[in-house]
Amino acid sequence: MPDTDLESLIIDIPDYPEPGVIFKDITPLMADPAGLATSIDDIADHFMHKGITKVVGAEARGFLVGAPVAYRLGAGFVPARKPGKLPREVYSQQYALEYGTDELQIHKDALKSEDKVLIVDDLVATGGTAVATAKLVEQSGAEVEGFSFILELSYLNPRETIAKQYNEEVYTLIKVK
């Protein structure tokens, strides 16, 4: 566990984006040099010797975590974007959120069959985004090696959702119960 109190750098925003949802704002953590460094370093250090060749991060906050983790691992970064944001041929995957549905896409040429992929995001709630991202990785023929998040909303049981389809490790820095 990191020495920096990461949880104190996250602000709860009630009723956003809709009533009943508590949005976890990581922007104070990202603005704090020690918080940012601790988060990125801890995730990268944990997966350093797993042979990761690509990190996939979901739009948009997954970019903030995934790209620097990829840099630390000496891996490439692949953005999983919302529909209509990528200019070339894409794989698409719909998924359920804790408050609706959405879709992610990656370029068809972003991953190769020999790639070992770490899926990274700022937060895992229901696990739907993580599973959808993993399905995109599978569509490309690459291999999912693990999942990592700064925050886990454990009361929503995301590990159970992920474990129904994937046996790979789920590594989080903070569990919210």
Protein backbone atom coordinates (compact mmCIF):
# COMPACT_ATOMS: atom_id res chain seq x y z
CA MET A 1 0.00 0.00 0.00
CA PRO A 2 1.32 3.46 -0.87
CA ASP A 3 2.73 5.78 1.84
CA THR A 4 0.76 8.76 0.51
CA ASP A 5 -2.86 8.91 1.73
CA LEU A 6 -4.44 8.64 -1.69
CA GLU A 7 -7.98 8.38 -0.37
CA SER A 8 -7.75 11.85 1.19
CA LEU A 9 -7.01 13.26 -2.28
CA ILE A 10 -10.31 12.04 -3.76
CA ILE A 11 -13.44 14.16 -3.44
CA ASP A 12 -16.97 12.73 -3.39
CA ILE A 13 -19.49 14.64 -5.52
CA PRO A 14 -23.04 13.53 -4.63
CA ASP A 15 -25.77 13.25 -7.25
CA TYR A 16 -23.43 13.52 -10.24
CA PRO A 17 -23.93 12.80 -13.10
CA GLU A 18 -27.44 11.96 -11.87
CA PRO A 19 -29.30 11.67 -8.55
CA GLY A 20 -28.12 8.82 -6.34
CA VAL A 21 -24.66 8.51 -7.91
CA ILE A 22 -21.62 9.55 -5.88
CA PHE A 23 -18.96 10.64 -8.36
CA LYS A 24 -15.37 10.02 -7.23
CA ASP A 25 -13.34 13.04 -8.38
CA ILE A 26 -9.68 12.08 -8.84
CA THR A 27 -8.59 15.47 -10.19
CA PRO A 28 -7.18 16.55 -6.78
CA LEU A 29 -5.12 13.32 -6.69
CA MET A 30 -3.86 13.98 -10.22
CA ALA A 31 -2.94 17.57 -9.27
CA ASP A 32 -0.96 16.43 -6.23
CA PRO A 33 2.62 15.52 -7.29
CA ALA A 34 3.06 12.88 -4.58
CA GLY A 35 -0.41 11.43 -5.11
CA LEU A 36 0.07 11.18 -8.85
CA ALA A 37 3.53 9.66 -8.56
CA THR A 38 2.45 7.18 -5.89
CA SER A 39 -0.56 6.00 -7.91
CA ILE A 40 1.30 5.54 -11.18
CA ASP A 41 4.42 4.05 -9.60
CA ASP A 42 2.48 1.57 -7.47
CA ILE A 43 0.47 0.22 -10.41
CA ALA A 44 3.50 0.08 -12.70
CA ASP A 45 5.71 -1.54 -10.05
CA HIS A 46 3.08 -4.20 -9.40
CA PHE A 47 2.99 -5.23 -13.08
CA MET A 48 6.63 -4.48 -13.95
CA HIS A 49 7.68 -8.11 -14.47
CA LYS A 50 4.51 -9.42 -16.12
CA GLY A 51 5.64 -8.88 -19.72
CA ILE A 52 3.06 -6.18 -20.46
CA THR A 53 3.48 -4.84 -24.00
CA LYS A 54 0.37 -2.60 -24.14
CA VAL A 55 -1.80 -0.76 -21.66
CA VAL A 56 -5.42 -0.05 -22.62
CA GLY A 57 -7.23 2.77 -20.84
CA ALA A 58 -10.92 3.65 -21.19
CA GLU A 59 -12.05 7.17 -22.05
CA ALA A 60 -11.52 9.50 -20.46
CA ARG A 61 -10.07 9.18 -16.98
CA GLY A 62 -8.45 5.88 -17.90
CA PHE A 63 -6.18 7.90 -20.20
CA LEU A 64 -4.89 9.87 -17.20
CA VAL A 65 -3.78 6.69 -15.46
CA GLY A 66 -3.06 4.34 -18.36
CA ALA A 67 -0.67 6.47 -20.40
CA PRO A 68 1.82 7.15 -17.58
CA VAL A 69 1.59 3.51 -16.42
CA ALA A 70 2.42 2.41 -19.99
CA TYR A 71 5.38 4.79 -20.04
CA ARG A 72 6.69 3.37 -16.75
CA LEU A 73 6.28 -0.20 -18.06
CA GLY A 74 8.01 0.56 -21.35
CA ALA A 75 4.77 -0.44 -23.08
CA GLY A 76 2.54 1.20 -25.65
CA PHE A 77 -0.75 2.88 -24.76
CA VAL A 78 -4.03 2.17 -26.54
CA PRO A 79 -7.04 4.42 -25.87
CA ALA A 80 -10.47 2.79 -25.71
CA ARG A 81 -12.67 5.64 -26.95
CA LYS A 82 -16.32 6.55 -27.22
CA PRO A 83 -17.97 5.99 -30.63
CA GLY A 84 -17.05 8.38 -33.42
CA LYS A 85 -13.70 9.46 -31.92
CA LEU A 86 -11.35 7.13 -33.79
CA PRO A 87 -10.69 7.78 -37.50
CA ARG A 88 -9.90 4.25 -38.72
CA GLU A 89 -11.61 0.86 -38.64
CA VAL A 90 -12.59 -0.12 -35.08
CA TYR A 91 -13.77 -2.93 -32.83
CA SER A 92 -16.81 -1.90 -30.73
CA GLN A 93 -18.22 -3.16 -27.45
CA GLN A 94 -21.32 -2.00 -25.58
CA TYR A 95 -21.50 -2.27 -21.79
CA ALA A 96 -23.62 -1.38 -18.78
CA LEU A 97 -22.67 1.34 -16.32
CA GLU A 98 -23.96 1.67 -12.76
CA TYR A 99 -26.25 4.40 -14.15
CA GLY A 100 -26.86 3.49 -17.83
CA THR A 101 -25.13 2.03 -20.90
CA ASP A 102 -22.25 3.08 -23.12
CA GLU A 103 -19.89 1.82 -25.81
CA LEU A 104 -16.12 1.72 -26.31
CA GLN A 105 -14.01 1.27 -29.43
CA ILE A 106 -10.35 0.62 -30.28
CA HIS A 107 -8.62 0.73 -33.64
CA LYS A 108 -8.48 -2.71 -35.23
CA ASP A 109 -4.72 -2.35 -35.73
CA ALA A 110 -3.95 -1.11 -32.20
CA LEU A 111 -3.17 -4.54 -30.76
CA LYS A 112 -1.50 -7.63 -32.16
CA SER A 113 -1.99 -11.26 -31.18
CA GLU A 114 1.37 -11.32 -29.37
CA ASP A 115 0.47 -8.33 -27.14
CA LYS A 116 0.08 -8.86 -23.41
CA VAL A 117 -2.35 -6.23 -22.20
CA LEU A 118 -2.93 -4.51 -18.87
CA ILE A 119 -6.32 -2.81 -18.62
CA VAL A 120 -6.11 0.35 -16.51
CA ASP A 121 -8.73 2.84 -15.37
CA ASP A 122 -9.14 5.30 -12.53
CA LEU A 123 -12.12 3.48 -11.01
CA VAL A 124 -13.95 0.17 -11.21
CA ALA A 125 -17.60 0.33 -10.14
CA THR A 126 -19.77 -2.49 -11.52
CA GLY A 127 -16.96 -3.95 -13.66
CA GLY A 128 -18.84 -3.36 -16.91
CA THR A 129 -16.28 -1.00 -18.43
CA ALA A 130 -13.42 -3.33 -17.51
CA VAL A 131 -15.14 -6.35 -19.06
CA ALA A 132 -16.03 -4.38 -22.21
CA THR A 133 -12.41 -3.23 -22.53
CA ALA A 134 -11.21 -6.81 -22.10
CA LYS A 135 -13.61 -7.95 -24.82
CA LEU A 136 -12.11 -5.34 -27.16
CA VAL A 137 -8.66 -6.76 -26.38
CA GLU A 138 -9.93 -10.26 -27.16
CA GLN A 139 -11.51 -9.12 -30.44
CA SER A 140 -8.04 -7.99 -31.51
CA GLY A 141 -6.54 -11.38 -30.66
CA ALA A 142 -4.32 -9.99 -27.88
CA GLU A 143 -4.15 -11.43 -24.36
CA VAL A 144 -5.49 -9.76 -21.21
CA GLU A 145 -2.85 -10.07 -18.47
CA GLY A 146 -4.51 -8.08 -15.70
CA PHE A 147 -6.68 -5.19 -14.56
CA SER A 148 -5.68 -2.25 -12.38
CA PHE A 149 -7.57 0.69 -10.90
CA ILE A 150 -6.91 3.47 -8.42
CA LEU A 151 -10.38 3.06 -6.86
CA GLU A 152 -12.61 0.03 -6.45
CA LEU A 153 -16.21 0.47 -5.35
CA SER A 154 -16.22 -2.94 -3.68
CA TYR A 155 -19.83 -2.60 -2.49
CA LEU A 156 -20.87 -2.92 -6.18
CA ASN A 157 -18.98 -6.25 -6.46
CA PRO A 158 -16.93 -5.48 -9.58
CA ARG A 159 -14.55 -8.37 -8.95
CA GLU A 160 -17.45 -10.81 -9.24
CA THR A 161 -18.47 -9.30 -12.59
CA ILE A 162 -14.91 -9.50 -13.91
CA ALA A 163 -14.33 -13.01 -12.49
CA LYS A 164 -17.37 -14.37 -14.35
CA GLN A 165 -15.40 -13.94 -17.58
CA TYR A 166 -11.73 -13.41 -16.64
CA ASN A 167 -9.36 -15.13 -14.21
CA GLU A 168 -6.68 -12.46 -14.49
CA GLU A 169 -5.60 -10.42 -11.48
CA VAL A 170 -7.53 -7.33 -10.42
CA TYR A 171 -5.23 -4.89 -8.59
CA THR A 172 -6.56 -1.75 -6.91
CA LEU A 173 -4.98 0.90 -4.69
CA ILE A 174 -8.11 1.92 -2.73
CA LYS A 175 -11.20 -0.14 -1.93
CA VAL A 176 -14.33 1.83 -1.06
CA LYS A 177 -16.68 -0.33 1.02
